Amino acid sequence: MKHYDVFGVGNALVDILVPTEDVFIKRLGFDKGIMTLVDAEKQAGVLTALEGSKRELRSGGSAANTMIAIANSGGTGTYTGKVSKDTYGEFYKKDMEEAGIFFEVAPEDKGHTGTCVVLTTPDAERTMLTHLGISITLQKSDIDIEKLKTSKISYIEGYLWDGPGTKEASLLTMEESKKNGVKVAYTYSDPFCVNRSREDFIRLTKDYFDIVFCNAEEAKALSQKEDKQEALKFIAGLAPLVFMTDSANGAFFAENGTVSHVEGFPVKPLDTTGAGDCFAAGVLYGLTQGYSLQRATRWGNYVASRIVQEIGPRLGVKLMGRQDEILK
């Protein structure tokens, strides 16, 4: 049986990438720079209003973005997410596999594949309007335990903690990982996820997580501390290894409570979509290849620095085999 570096679990969403202006987002009444859950009708209305604008499709979802960037770095992975037997579902499977990630979850005969309209403004901020569609029907039976057993790390996104079935699938992945010596990595995903499920996230961090990914705002939300360093220390008291991104300031990692800072790569961002996802990809690639924590974090910073220079969450350059050249 094939072995994998990372076993990813998350929402399977087709990203619809559209560049736009601040005034358009304001007119729609959405909060700029965050992810908002919308129904199919609301999302369709936004797309109608954007008629004539340039748009691109990508297979996406937070953890899916991470998995694709792991493959780009030269790692291997398998992804678990739910799509429908529709045009978007067919696109999703084909696009994931062409990116180098194994994807073989049985599609649903009913419903629609989830979609996320990603509105990017000139300041590189992205506003996401997400209709989860069939992705919320992911359940325990979709988790391939045998593939999980042959992986080094499982990686689960916090967005899954919103539904009963997706929550059970997340827990099963954590429990089976622990039973089989697979390290559990988790991303808190978004401050709103943390605020909605703070007590659960604290418990899960203590009980299951070997590796935590968050940004400074998510860390503050979980710890309820205003200082980012204090917030990181709070999480480091719950999990053995924590990575916290801090925008242009690079990233921090805390191993068994000891905090280290790793400089970022100065760039002018064009679109911040997928920055945190690509940081996690770089780190996970490094960890599965035996990198030191410093070097793995540095690679995470580099992959994130590359993605913010692109429109959308997909790298347009191949990074496989370039680590020594870039990190020397």
C-alpha atoms as a PDB file:
ATOM      1  CA  MET A   1       0.000   0.000   0.000  1.00  0.00           C
ATOM      2  CA  LYS A   2       1.157   3.540  -0.801  1.00  0.00           C
ATOM      3  CA  HIS A   3       2.390   5.648   2.102  1.00  0.00           C
ATOM      4  CA  TYR A   4       1.555   9.343   2.461  1.00  0.00           C
ATOM      5  CA  ASP A   5       3.193  12.267   4.197  1.00  0.00           C
ATOM      6  CA  VAL A   6      -0.116  13.931   5.131  1.00  0.00           C
ATOM      7  CA  PHE A   7      -3.737  12.749   5.398  1.00  0.00           C
ATOM      8  CA  GLY A   8      -5.898  15.849   4.967  1.00  0.00           C
ATOM      9  CA  VAL A   9      -9.543  16.284   5.992  1.00  0.00           C
ATOM     10  CA  GLY A  10     -11.638  19.360   5.251  1.00  0.00           C
ATOM     11  CA  ASN A  11     -14.378  21.001   3.269  1.00  0.00           C
ATOM     12  CA  ALA A  12     -14.226  20.382  -0.482  1.00  0.00           C
ATOM     13  CA  LEU A  13     -15.088  23.694  -2.106  1.00  0.00           C
ATOM     14  CA  VAL A  14     -14.604  25.031  -5.608  1.00  0.00           C
ATOM     15  CA  ASP A  15     -13.122  28.522  -5.287  1.00  0.00           C
ATOM     16  CA  ILE A  16     -14.491  31.119  -7.711  1.00  0.00           C
ATOM     17  CA  LEU A  17     -11.836  33.839  -7.773  1.00  0.00           C
ATOM     18  CA  VAL A  18     -12.947  37.347  -8.732  1.00  0.00           C
ATOM     19  CA  PRO A  19     -10.948  40.602  -8.431  1.00  0.00           C
ATOM     20  CA  THR A  20     -13.118  43.514  -7.297  1.00  0.00           C
ATOM     21  CA  GLU A  21     -13.150  46.878  -5.487  1.00  0.00           C
ATOM     22  CA  ASP A  22     -13.909  47.892  -1.893  1.00  0.00           C
ATOM     23  CA  VAL A  23     -17.018  49.767  -2.978  1.00  0.00           C
ATOM     24  CA  PHE A  24     -18.564  46.578  -4.380  1.00  0.00           C
ATOM     25  CA  ILE A  25     -18.118  44.679  -1.096  1.00  0.00           C
ATOM     26  CA  LYS A  26     -19.481  47.631   0.849  1.00  0.00           C
ATOM     27  CA  ARG A  27     -22.509  47.820  -1.448  1.00  0.00           C
ATOM     28  CA  LEU A  28     -23.203  44.138  -0.851  1.00  0.00           C
ATOM     29  CA  GLY A  29     -23.075  44.690   2.915  1.00  0.00           C
ATOM     30  CA  PHE A  30     -20.428  42.056   3.715  1.00  0.00           C
ATOM     31  CA  ASP A  31     -17.568  42.435   6.179  1.00  0.00           C
ATOM     32  CA  LYS A  32     -14.376  42.858   4.223  1.00  0.00           C
ATOM     33  CA  GLY A  33     -11.477  40.467   4.801  1.00  0.00           C
ATOM     34  CA  ILE A  34     -13.324  37.577   6.444  1.00  0.00           C
ATOM     35  CA  MET A  35     -15.245  34.462   5.470  1.00  0.00           C
ATOM     36  CA  THR A  36     -19.053  34.673   5.573  1.00  0.00           C
ATOM     37  CA  LEU A  37     -21.350  31.673   5.183  1.00  0.00           C
ATOM     38  CA  VAL A  38     -24.129  32.368   2.676  1.00  0.00           C
ATOM     39  CA  ASP A  39     -26.951  30.345   1.139  1.00  0.00           C
ATOM     40  CA  ALA A  40     -27.017  29.335  -2.531  1.00  0.00           C
ATOM     41  CA  GLU A  41     -29.448  32.123  -3.437  1.00  0.00           C
ATOM     42  CA  LYS A  42     -27.316  34.848  -1.857  1.00  0.00           C
ATOM     43  CA  GLN A  43     -24.162  33.550  -3.523  1.00  0.00           C
ATOM     44  CA  ALA A  44     -25.911  33.340  -6.893  1.00  0.00           C
ATOM     45  CA  GLY A  45     -26.988  36.971  -6.487  1.00  0.00           C
ATOM     46  CA  VAL A  46     -23.374  38.026  -5.896  1.00  0.00           C
ATOM     47  CA  LEU A  47     -22.212  36.133  -8.980  1.00  0.00           C
ATOM     48  CA  THR A  48     -24.959  37.753 -11.037  1.00  0.00           C
ATOM     49  CA  ALA A  49     -23.806  41.179  -9.826  1.00  0.00           C
ATOM     50  CA  LEU A  50     -20.277  40.222 -10.899  1.00  0.00           C
ATOM     51  CA  GLU A  51     -21.390  39.242 -14.397  1.00  0.00           C
ATOM     52  CA  GLY A  52     -18.700  40.219 -16.871  1.00  0.00           C
ATOM     53  CA  SER A  53     -15.896  40.228 -14.277  1.00  0.00           C
ATOM     54  CA  LYS A  54     -12.893  37.993 -14.837  1.00  0.00           C
ATOM     55  CA  ARG A  55     -13.139  34.781 -12.796  1.00  0.00           C
ATOM     56  CA  GLU A  56     -11.090  31.627 -12.296  1.00  0.00           C
ATOM     57  CA  LEU A  57     -11.948  28.235 -10.759  1.00  0.00           C
ATOM     58  CA  ARG A  58      -9.751  26.288  -8.346  1.00  0.00           C
ATOM     59  CA  SER A  59     -10.321  23.206  -6.200  1.00  0.00           C
ATOM     60  CA  GLY A  60     -10.180  24.614  -2.713  1.00  0.00           C
ATOM     61  CA  GLY A  61     -11.130  24.600   0.905  1.00  0.00           C
ATOM     62  CA  SER A  62      -8.572  25.525   3.553  1.00  0.00           C
ATOM     63  CA  ALA A  63      -7.037  22.089   4.135  1.00  0.00           C
ATOM     64  CA  ALA A  64      -7.222  21.289   0.411  1.00  0.00           C
ATOM     65  CA  ASN A  65      -5.111  24.369  -0.327  1.00  0.00           C
ATOM     66  CA  THR A  66      -2.563  23.065   2.168  1.00  0.00           C
ATOM     67  CA  MET A  67      -2.503  19.606   0.622  1.00  0.00           C
ATOM     68  CA  ILE A  68      -1.954  20.981  -2.887  1.00  0.00           C
ATOM     69  CA  ALA A  69       0.939  23.150  -1.702  1.00  0.00           C
ATOM     70  CA  ILE A  70       2.475  20.116   0.048  1.00  0.00           C
ATOM     71  CA  ALA A  71       2.451  18.291  -3.293  1.00  0.00           C
ATOM     72  CA  ASN A  72       3.974  21.360  -4.946  1.00  0.00           C
ATOM     73  CA  SER A  73       6.832  21.209  -2.438  1.00  0.00           C
ATOM     74  CA  GLY A  74       7.416  17.542  -3.296  1.00  0.00           C
ATOM     75  CA  GLY A  75       5.386  15.843  -0.565  1.00  0.00           C
ATOM     76  CA  THR A  76       2.647  13.239  -0.871  1.00  0.00           C
ATOM     77  CA  GLY A  77      -0.904  13.379   0.397  1.00  0.00           C
ATOM     78  CA  THR A  78      -4.449  12.116   0.267  1.00  0.00           C
ATOM     79  CA  TYR A  79      -7.475  14.341   0.853  1.00  0.00           C
ATOM     80  CA  THR A  80     -10.916  13.612   2.282  1.00  0.00           C
ATOM     81  CA  GLY A  81     -13.756  15.977   1.400  1.00  0.00           C
ATOM     82  CA  LYS A  82     -17.286  15.647  -0.003  1.00  0.00           C
ATOM     83  CA  VAL A  83     -18.458  16.713  -3.464  1.00  0.00           C
ATOM     84  CA  SER A  84     -21.569  16.047  -5.541  1.00  0.00           C
ATOM     85  CA  LYS A  85     -21.996  14.360  -8.927  1.00  0.00           C
ATOM     86  CA  ASP A  86     -22.228  17.698 -10.671  1.00  0.00           C
ATOM     87  CA  THR A  87     -19.962  19.752 -12.923  1.00  0.00           C
ATOM     88  CA  TYR A  88     -18.177  21.396  -9.998  1.00  0.00           C
ATOM     89  CA  GLY A  89     -17.671  17.987  -8.328  1.00  0.00           C
ATOM     90  CA  GLU A  90     -16.115  16.520 -11.457  1.00  0.00           C
ATOM     91  CA  PHE A  91     -13.876  19.573 -11.765  1.00  0.00           C
ATOM     92  CA  TYR A  92     -12.824  19.276  -8.129  1.00  0.00           C
ATOM     93  CA  LYS A  93     -11.643  15.663  -8.360  1.00  0.00           C
ATOM     94  CA  LYS A  94      -9.793  16.223 -11.640  1.00  0.00           C
ATOM     95  CA  ASP A  95      -8.136  19.416 -10.403  1.00  0.00           C
ATOM     96  CA  MET A  96      -6.998  17.853  -7.089  1.00  0.00           C
ATOM     97  CA  GLU A  97      -5.501  14.814  -8.797  1.00  0.00           C
ATOM     98  CA  GLU A  98      -3.761  16.921 -11.438  1.00  0.00           C
ATOM     99  CA  ALA A  99      -2.235  18.897  -8.562  1.00  0.00           C
ATOM    100  CA  GLY A 100      -0.794  15.647  -7.176  1.00  0.00           C
ATOM    101  CA  ILE A 101      -3.197  14.811  -4.337  1.00  0.00           C
ATOM    102  CA  PHE A 102      -5.110  11.514  -4.116  1.00  0.00           C
ATOM    103  CA  PHE A 103      -8.867  12.191  -3.912  1.00  0.00           C
ATOM    104  CA  GLU A 104     -11.323   9.317  -3.980  1.00  0.00           C
ATOM    105  CA  VAL A 105     -14.283  10.053  -1.714  1.00  0.00           C
ATOM    106  CA  ALA A 106     -17.556   8.771  -3.217  1.00  0.00           C
ATOM    107  CA  PRO A 107     -19.547  11.754  -4.577  1.00  0.00           C
ATOM    108  CA  GLU A 108     -23.169  12.317  -3.551  1.00  0.00           C
ATOM    109  CA  ASP A 109     -26.002  11.810  -6.058  1.00  0.00           C
ATOM    110  CA  LYS A 110     -27.936  14.740  -4.603  1.00  0.00           C
ATOM    111  CA  GLY A 111     -27.201  18.345  -3.712  1.00  0.00           C
ATOM    112  CA  HIS A 112     -24.515  20.667  -5.026  1.00  0.00           C
ATOM    113  CA  THR A 113     -20.764  20.807  -4.601  1.00  0.00           C
ATOM    114  CA  GLY A 114     -19.767  23.591  -2.199  1.00  0.00           C
ATOM    115  CA  THR A 115     -18.468  26.832  -3.652  1.00  0.00           C
ATOM    116  CA  CYS A 116     -16.605  29.838  -2.279  1.00  0.00           C
ATOM    117  CA  VAL A 117     -16.653  33.190  -4.039  1.00  0.00           C
ATOM    118  CA  VAL A 118     -13.323  34.846  -3.231  1.00  0.00           C
ATOM    119  CA  LEU A 119     -13.438  38.618  -3.758  1.00  0.00           C
ATOM    120  CA  THR A 120      -9.954  40.145  -3.832  1.00  0.00           C
ATOM    121  CA  THR A 121      -9.527  43.920  -3.502  1.00  0.00           C
ATOM    122  CA  PRO A 122      -6.483  45.952  -4.647  1.00  0.00           C
ATOM    123  CA  ASP A 123      -5.010  45.938  -1.109  1.00  0.00           C
ATOM    124  CA  ALA A 124      -4.695  42.093  -1.376  1.00  0.00           C
ATOM    125  CA  GLU A 125      -7.448  41.448   1.181  1.00  0.00           C
ATOM    126  CA  ARG A 126      -9.831  38.634   0.349  1.00  0.00           C
ATOM    127  CA  THR A 127     -13.492  38.475   1.305  1.00  0.00           C
ATOM    128  CA  MET A 128     -14.954  34.971   1.064  1.00  0.00           C
ATOM    129  CA  LEU A 129     -18.620  34.169   0.569  1.00  0.00           C
ATOM    130  CA  THR A 130     -19.004  30.457   1.137  1.00  0.00           C
ATOM    131  CA  HIS A 131     -21.897  28.139   0.354  1.00  0.00           C
ATOM    132  CA  LEU A 132     -20.851  24.816   1.896  1.00  0.00           C
ATOM    133  CA  GLY A 133     -23.254  22.729  -0.182  1.00  0.00           C
ATOM    134  CA  ILE A 134     -22.719  18.982   0.036  1.00  0.00           C
ATOM    135  CA  SER A 135     -19.382  19.378   1.863  1.00  0.00           C
ATOM    136  CA  ILE A 136     -21.240  19.480   5.196  1.00  0.00           C
ATOM    137  CA  THR A 137     -22.410  15.881   4.668  1.00  0.00           C
ATOM    138  CA  LEU A 138     -18.888  14.537   5.226  1.00  0.00           C
ATOM    139  CA  GLN A 139     -19.158  11.773   7.839  1.00  0.00           C
ATOM    140  CA  LYS A 140     -17.187   9.109   9.665  1.00  0.00           C
ATOM    141  CA  SER A 141     -17.712   6.504   6.951  1.00  0.00           C
ATOM    142  CA  ASP A 142     -15.848   8.751   4.482  1.00  0.00           C
ATOM    143  CA  ILE A 143     -12.612   8.494   6.479  1.00  0.00           C
ATOM    144  CA  ASP A 144     -10.329   5.868   4.951  1.00  0.00           C
ATOM    145  CA  ILE A 145      -8.700   4.417   8.063  1.00  0.00           C
ATOM    146  CA  GLU A 146      -6.244   2.301   6.076  1.00  0.00           C
ATOM    147  CA  LYS A 147      -4.872   5.346   4.242  1.00  0.00           C
ATOM    148  CA  LEU A 148      -4.745   7.229   7.538  1.00  0.00           C
ATOM    149  CA  LYS A 149      -2.658   4.448   9.092  1.00  0.00           C
ATOM    150  CA  THR A 150      -0.088   4.754   6.304  1.00  0.00           C
ATOM    151  CA  SER A 151       0.330   8.533   6.780  1.00  0.00           C
ATOM    152  CA  LYS A 152       2.829  10.391   8.954  1.00  0.00           C
ATOM    153  CA  ILE A 153       0.550  13.281   9.937  1.00  0.00           C
ATOM    154  CA  SER A 154      -3.197  13.900   9.797  1.00  0.00           C
ATOM    155  CA  TYR A 155      -4.228  17.484   9.118  1.00  0.00           C
ATOM    156  CA  ILE A 156      -7.741  18.706   9.966  1.00  0.00           C
ATOM    157  CA  GLU A 157      -9.327  22.118   9.470  1.00  0.00           C
ATOM    158  CA  GLY A 158     -11.295  23.915  12.168  1.00  0.00           C
ATOM    159  CA  TYR A 159     -14.087  24.792   9.735  1.00  0.00           C
ATOM    160  CA  LEU A 160     -15.281  21.179  10.089  1.00  0.00           C
ATOM    161  CA  TRP A 161     -16.288  21.766  13.707  1.00  0.00           C
ATOM    162  CA  ASP A 162     -19.534  23.428  12.587  1.00  0.00           C
ATOM    163  CA  GLY A 163     -21.619  20.371  11.663  1.00  0.00           C
ATOM    164  CA  PRO A 164     -22.430  17.145  13.535  1.00  0.00           C
ATOM    165  CA  GLY A 165     -21.262  14.802  10.755  1.00  0.00           C
ATOM    166  CA  THR A 166     -18.098  16.749   9.976  1.00  0.00           C
ATOM    167  CA  LYS A 167     -17.376  17.000  13.694  1.00  0.00           C
ATOM    168  CA  GLU A 168     -17.653  13.211  14.062  1.00  0.00           C
ATOM    169  CA  ALA A 169     -15.379  12.715  11.036  1.00  0.00           C
ATOM    170  CA  SER A 170     -12.829  15.051  12.631  1.00  0.00           C
ATOM    171  CA  LEU A 171     -12.939  13.201  15.955  1.00  0.00           C
ATOM    172  CA  LEU A 172     -12.611   9.805  14.295  1.00  0.00           C
ATOM    173  CA  THR A 173      -9.549  11.036  12.408  1.00  0.00           C
ATOM    174  CA  MET A 174      -8.000  12.297  15.654  1.00  0.00           C
ATOM    175  CA  GLU A 175      -8.768   9.120  17.590  1.00  0.00           C
ATOM    176  CA  GLU A 176      -7.523   6.760  14.870  1.00  0.00           C
ATOM    177  CA  SER A 177      -4.406   8.882  14.433  1.00  0.00           C
ATOM    178  CA  LYS A 178      -3.621   8.554  18.140  1.00  0.00           C
ATOM    179  CA  LYS A 179      -4.208   4.786  18.054  1.00  0.00           C
ATOM    180  CA  ASN A 180      -1.888   4.317  15.091  1.00  0.00           C
ATOM    181  CA  GLY A 181       0.989   6.619  15.938  1.00  0.00           C
ATOM    182  CA  VAL A 182      -0.005   9.270  13.383  1.00  0.00           C
ATOM    183  CA  LYS A 183       0.598  12.829  14.603  1.00  0.00           C
ATOM    184  CA  VAL A 184      -2.479  15.095  14.676  1.00  0.00           C
ATOM    185  CA  ALA A 185      -2.087  18.569  13.161  1.00  0.00           C
ATOM    186  CA  TYR A 186      -4.959  21.049  13.374  1.00  0.00           C
ATOM    187  CA  THR A 187      -5.640  24.527  12.057  1.00  0.00           C
ATOM    188  CA  TYR A 188      -8.043  26.770  13.960  1.00  0.00           C
ATOM    189  CA  SER A 189      -9.008  28.157  10.505  1.00  0.00           C
ATOM    190  CA  ASP A 190     -10.590  31.488  11.432  1.00  0.00           C
ATOM    191  CA  PRO A 191     -11.260  33.655  14.528  1.00  0.00           C
ATOM    192  CA  PHE A 192     -15.000  33.129  14.089  1.00  0.00           C
ATOM    193  CA  CYS A 193     -14.477  29.342  14.354  1.00  0.00           C
ATOM    194  CA  VAL A 194     -12.535  29.870  17.567  1.00  0.00           C
ATOM    195  CA  ASN A 195     -15.112  32.238  19.046  1.00  0.00           C
ATOM    196  CA  ARG A 196     -17.968  29.846  18.288  1.00  0.00           C
ATOM    197  CA  SER A 197     -16.255  26.758  19.698  1.00  0.00           C
ATOM    198  CA  ARG A 198     -13.641  28.111  22.094  1.00  0.00           C
ATOM    199  CA  GLU A 199     -14.163  25.630  24.936  1.00  0.00           C
ATOM    200  CA  ASP A 200     -14.205  22.692  22.511  1.00  0.00           C
ATOM    201  CA  PHE A 201     -11.019  23.914  20.818  1.00  0.00           C
ATOM    202  CA  ILE A 202      -9.242  24.230  24.163  1.00  0.00           C
ATOM    203  CA  ARG A 203     -10.258  20.690  25.112  1.00  0.00           C
ATOM    204  CA  LEU A 204      -9.287  19.255  21.739  1.00  0.00           C
ATOM    205  CA  THR A 205      -5.934  21.037  21.849  1.00  0.00           C
ATOM    206  CA  LYS A 206      -5.144  19.463  25.209  1.00  0.00           C
ATOM    207  CA  ASP A 207      -6.463  16.006  24.396  1.00  0.00           C
ATOM    208  CA  TYR A 208      -5.527  15.417  20.758  1.00  0.00           C
ATOM    209  CA  PHE A 209      -3.328  17.958  18.997  1.00  0.00           C
ATOM    210  CA  ASP A 210       0.365  17.287  18.481  1.00  0.00           C
ATOM    211  CA  ILE A 211       0.731  20.262  16.138  1.00  0.00           C
ATOM    212  CA  VAL A 212      -1.346  23.465  16.073  1.00  0.00           C
ATOM    213  CA  PHE A 213      -1.485  26.081  13.313  1.00  0.00           C
ATOM    214  CA  CYS A 214      -2.988  29.517  13.926  1.00  0.00           C
ATOM    215  CA  ASN A 215      -2.483  33.173  13.170  1.00  0.00           C
ATOM    216  CA  ALA A 216      -2.146  35.901  15.781  1.00  0.00           C
ATOM    217  CA  GLU A 217      -5.852  36.797  15.703  1.00  0.00           C
ATOM    218  CA  GLU A 218      -6.938  33.175  16.203  1.00  0.00           C
ATOM    219  CA  ALA A 219      -4.453  32.807  19.048  1.00  0.00           C
ATOM    220  CA  LYS A 220      -5.856  35.907  20.729  1.00  0.00           C
ATOM    221  CA  ALA A 221      -9.407  34.617  20.323  1.00  0.00           C
ATOM    222  CA  LEU A 222      -8.586  31.251  21.892  1.00  0.00           C
ATOM    223  CA  SER A 223      -6.518  32.655  24.765  1.00  0.00           C
ATOM    224  CA  GLN A 224      -8.634  35.787  25.280  1.00  0.00           C
ATOM    225  CA  LYS A 225      -5.384  37.707  25.625  1.00  0.00           C
ATOM    226  CA  GLU A 226      -4.600  40.877  23.673  1.00  0.00           C
ATOM    227  CA  ASP A 227      -0.837  40.328  23.494  1.00  0.00           C
ATOM    228  CA  LYS A 228       0.080  37.880  20.730  1.00  0.00           C
ATOM    229  CA  GLN A 229       3.102  36.527  22.602  1.00  0.00           C
ATOM    230  CA  GLU A 230       0.982  35.807  25.661  1.00  0.00           C
ATOM    231  CA  ALA A 231      -1.641  34.240  23.416  1.00  0.00           C
ATOM    232  CA  LEU A 232       0.966  31.928  21.887  1.00  0.00           C
ATOM    233  CA  LYS A 233       2.250  30.944  25.329  1.00  0.00           C
ATOM    234  CA  PHE A 234      -1.307  30.068  26.368  1.00  0.00           C
ATOM    235  CA  ILE A 235      -1.699  27.641  23.458  1.00  0.00           C
ATOM    236  CA  ALA A 236       1.827  26.319  24.024  1.00  0.00           C
ATOM    237  CA  GLY A 237       0.641  25.307  27.489  1.00  0.00           C
ATOM    238  CA  LEU A 238      -1.957  23.052  25.850  1.00  0.00           C
ATOM    239  CA  ALA A 239      -0.081  21.451  22.918  1.00  0.00           C
ATOM    240  CA  PRO A 240       3.557  20.369  22.454  1.00  0.00           C
ATOM    241  CA  LEU A 241       4.127  22.180  19.145  1.00  0.00           C
ATOM    242  CA  VAL A 242       2.420  25.395  18.016  1.00  0.00           C
ATOM    243  CA  PHE A 243       3.009  27.514  14.908  1.00  0.00           C
ATOM    244  CA  MET A 244       1.632  31.058  14.813  1.00  0.00           C
ATOM    245  CA  THR A 245       1.852  33.239  11.714  1.00  0.00           C
ATOM    246  CA  ASP A 246       2.175  37.006  12.121  1.00  0.00           C
ATOM    247  CA  SER A 247       1.729  38.475   8.618  1.00  0.00           C
ATOM    248  CA  ALA A 248       4.819  40.377   7.418  1.00  0.00           C
ATOM    249  CA  ASN A 249       6.528  39.671  10.742  1.00  0.00           C
ATOM    250  CA  GLY A 250       7.098  36.034   9.770  1.00  0.00           C
ATOM    251  CA  ALA A 251       6.079  33.325  12.211  1.00  0.00           C
ATOM    252  CA  PHE A 252       6.639  31.962  15.693  1.00  0.00           C
ATOM    253  CA  PHE A 253       6.815  28.388  16.872  1.00  0.00           C
ATOM    254  CA  ALA A 254       6.621  27.091  20.415  1.00  0.00           C
ATOM    255  CA  GLU A 255       8.052  23.671  21.250  1.00  0.00           C
ATOM    256  CA  ASN A 256       7.168  22.437  24.720  1.00  0.00           C
ATOM    257  CA  GLY A 257       6.543  26.028  25.779  1.00  0.00           C
ATOM    258  CA  THR A 258       9.773  27.532  24.390  1.00  0.00           C
ATOM    259  CA  VAL A 259       9.021  30.264  21.833  1.00  0.00           C
ATOM    260  CA  SER A 260      11.174  31.009  18.759  1.00  0.00           C
ATOM    261  CA  HIS A 261      10.719  33.571  16.001  1.00  0.00           C
ATOM    262  CA  VAL A 262      11.521  32.977  12.321  1.00  0.00           C
ATOM    263  CA  GLU A 263      11.834  35.911   9.920  1.00  0.00           C
ATOM    264  CA  GLY A 264       9.588  36.089   6.895  1.00  0.00           C
ATOM    265  CA  PHE A 265      10.441  36.878   3.267  1.00  0.00           C
ATOM    266  CA  PRO A 266       9.685  40.540   2.425  1.00  0.00           C
ATOM    267  CA  VAL A 267       7.275  40.771  -0.527  1.00  0.00           C
ATOM    268  CA  LYS A 268       4.550  43.065  -1.791  1.00  0.00           C
ATOM    269  CA  PRO A 269       1.324  41.063  -1.447  1.00  0.00           C
ATOM    270  CA  LEU A 270      -1.091  40.897  -4.347  1.00  0.00           C
ATOM    271  CA  ASP A 271      -3.668  38.560  -2.748  1.00  0.00           C
ATOM    272  CA  THR A 272      -3.528  37.025   0.741  1.00  0.00           C
ATOM    273  CA  THR A 273      -5.815  34.098  -0.183  1.00  0.00           C
ATOM    274  CA  GLY A 274      -4.296  30.856   1.080  1.00  0.00           C
ATOM    275  CA  ALA A 275      -1.332  32.442   2.917  1.00  0.00           C
ATOM    276  CA  GLY A 276      -1.968  30.566   6.162  1.00  0.00           C
ATOM    277  CA  ASP A 277      -2.793  27.386   4.271  1.00  0.00           C
ATOM    278  CA  CYS A 278       0.491  27.553   2.358  1.00  0.00           C
ATOM    279  CA  PHE A 279       2.457  28.310   5.511  1.00  0.00           C
ATOM    280  CA  ALA A 280       1.041  25.123   7.049  1.00  0.00           C
ATOM    281  CA  ALA A 281       1.939  23.240   3.849  1.00  0.00           C
ATOM    282  CA  GLY A 282       5.547  24.349   4.007  1.00  0.00           C
ATOM    283  CA  VAL A 283       5.857  23.422   7.663  1.00  0.00           C
ATOM    284  CA  LEU A 284       4.163  20.038   7.223  1.00  0.00           C
ATOM    285  CA  TYR A 285       6.398  19.260   4.260  1.00  0.00           C
ATOM    286  CA  GLY A 286       9.436  20.128   6.358  1.00  0.00           C
ATOM    287  CA  LEU A 287       8.312  18.077   9.358  1.00  0.00           C
ATOM    288  CA  THR A 288       7.630  14.989   7.231  1.00  0.00           C
ATOM    289  CA  GLN A 289      11.043  15.325   5.562  1.00  0.00           C
ATOM    290  CA  GLY A 290      12.983  15.560   8.830  1.00  0.00           C
ATOM    291  CA  TYR A 291      13.693  19.311   8.789  1.00  0.00           C
ATOM    292  CA  SER A 292      14.543  21.130  12.011  1.00  0.00           C
ATOM    293  CA  LEU A 293      11.689  23.264  13.362  1.00  0.00           C
ATOM    294  CA  GLN A 294      13.569  26.416  12.365  1.00  0.00           C
ATOM    295  CA  ARG A 295      14.054  25.201   8.783  1.00  0.00           C
ATOM    296  CA  ALA A 296      10.486  23.873   8.486  1.00  0.00           C
ATOM    297  CA  THR A 297       9.107  27.225   9.660  1.00  0.00           C
ATOM    298  CA  ARG A 298      11.393  29.072   7.267  1.00  0.00           C
ATOM    299  CA  TRP A 299      10.094  26.939   4.402  1.00  0.00           C
ATOM    300  CA  GLY A 300       6.536  27.641   5.550  1.00  0.00           C
ATOM    301  CA  ASN A 301       7.290  31.368   5.458  1.00  0.00           C
ATOM    302  CA  TYR A 302       8.702  31.054   1.964  1.00  0.00           C
ATOM    303  CA  VAL A 303       5.735  29.123   0.547  1.00  0.00           C
ATOM    304  CA  ALA A 304       3.385  31.696   2.124  1.00  0.00           C
ATOM    305  CA  SER A 305       5.448  34.549   0.657  1.00  0.00           C
ATOM    306  CA  ARG A 306       5.071  33.031  -2.804  1.00  0.00           C
ATOM    307  CA  ILE A 307       1.311  32.548  -2.620  1.00  0.00           C
ATOM    308  CA  VAL A 308       0.571  36.174  -1.628  1.00  0.00           C
ATOM    309  CA  GLN A 309       2.192  37.233  -4.923  1.00  0.00           C
ATOM    310  CA  GLU A 310      -0.412  35.247  -6.890  1.00  0.00           C
ATOM    311  CA  ILE A 311      -4.137  35.682  -7.432  1.00  0.00           C
ATOM    312  CA  GLY A 312      -5.863  32.793  -5.663  1.00  0.00           C
ATOM    313  CA  PRO A 313      -4.601  29.973  -3.432  1.00  0.00           C
ATOM    314  CA  ARG A 314      -2.632  28.027  -6.075  1.00  0.00           C
ATOM    315  CA  LEU A 315       1.100  28.440  -6.633  1.00  0.00           C
ATOM    316  CA  GLY A 316       2.056  29.189 -10.199  1.00  0.00           C
ATOM    317  CA  VAL A 317       5.652  28.025  -9.698  1.00  0.00           C
ATOM    318  CA  LYS A 318       6.984  24.561  -8.873  1.00  0.00           C
ATOM    319  CA  LEU A 319       8.947  24.475  -5.617  1.00  0.00           C
ATOM    320  CA  MET A 320       9.798  20.764  -5.617  1.00  0.00           C
ATOM    321  CA  GLY A 321      13.536  20.210  -5.183  1.00  0.00           C
ATOM    322  CA  ARG A 322      14.329  23.903  -4.656  1.00  0.00           C
ATOM    323  CA  GLN A 323      14.507  23.885  -0.852  1.00  0.00           C
ATOM    324  CA  ASP A 324      18.305  23.829  -0.542  1.00  0.00           C
ATOM    325  CA  GLU A 325      18.709  26.591  -3.128  1.00  0.00           C
ATOM    326  CA  ILE A 326      16.103  28.833  -1.450  1.00  0.00           C
ATOM    327  CA  LEU A 327      16.922  28.159   2.200  1.00  0.00           C
ATOM    328  CA  LYS A 328      20.737  28.217   1.954  1.00  0.00           C
END
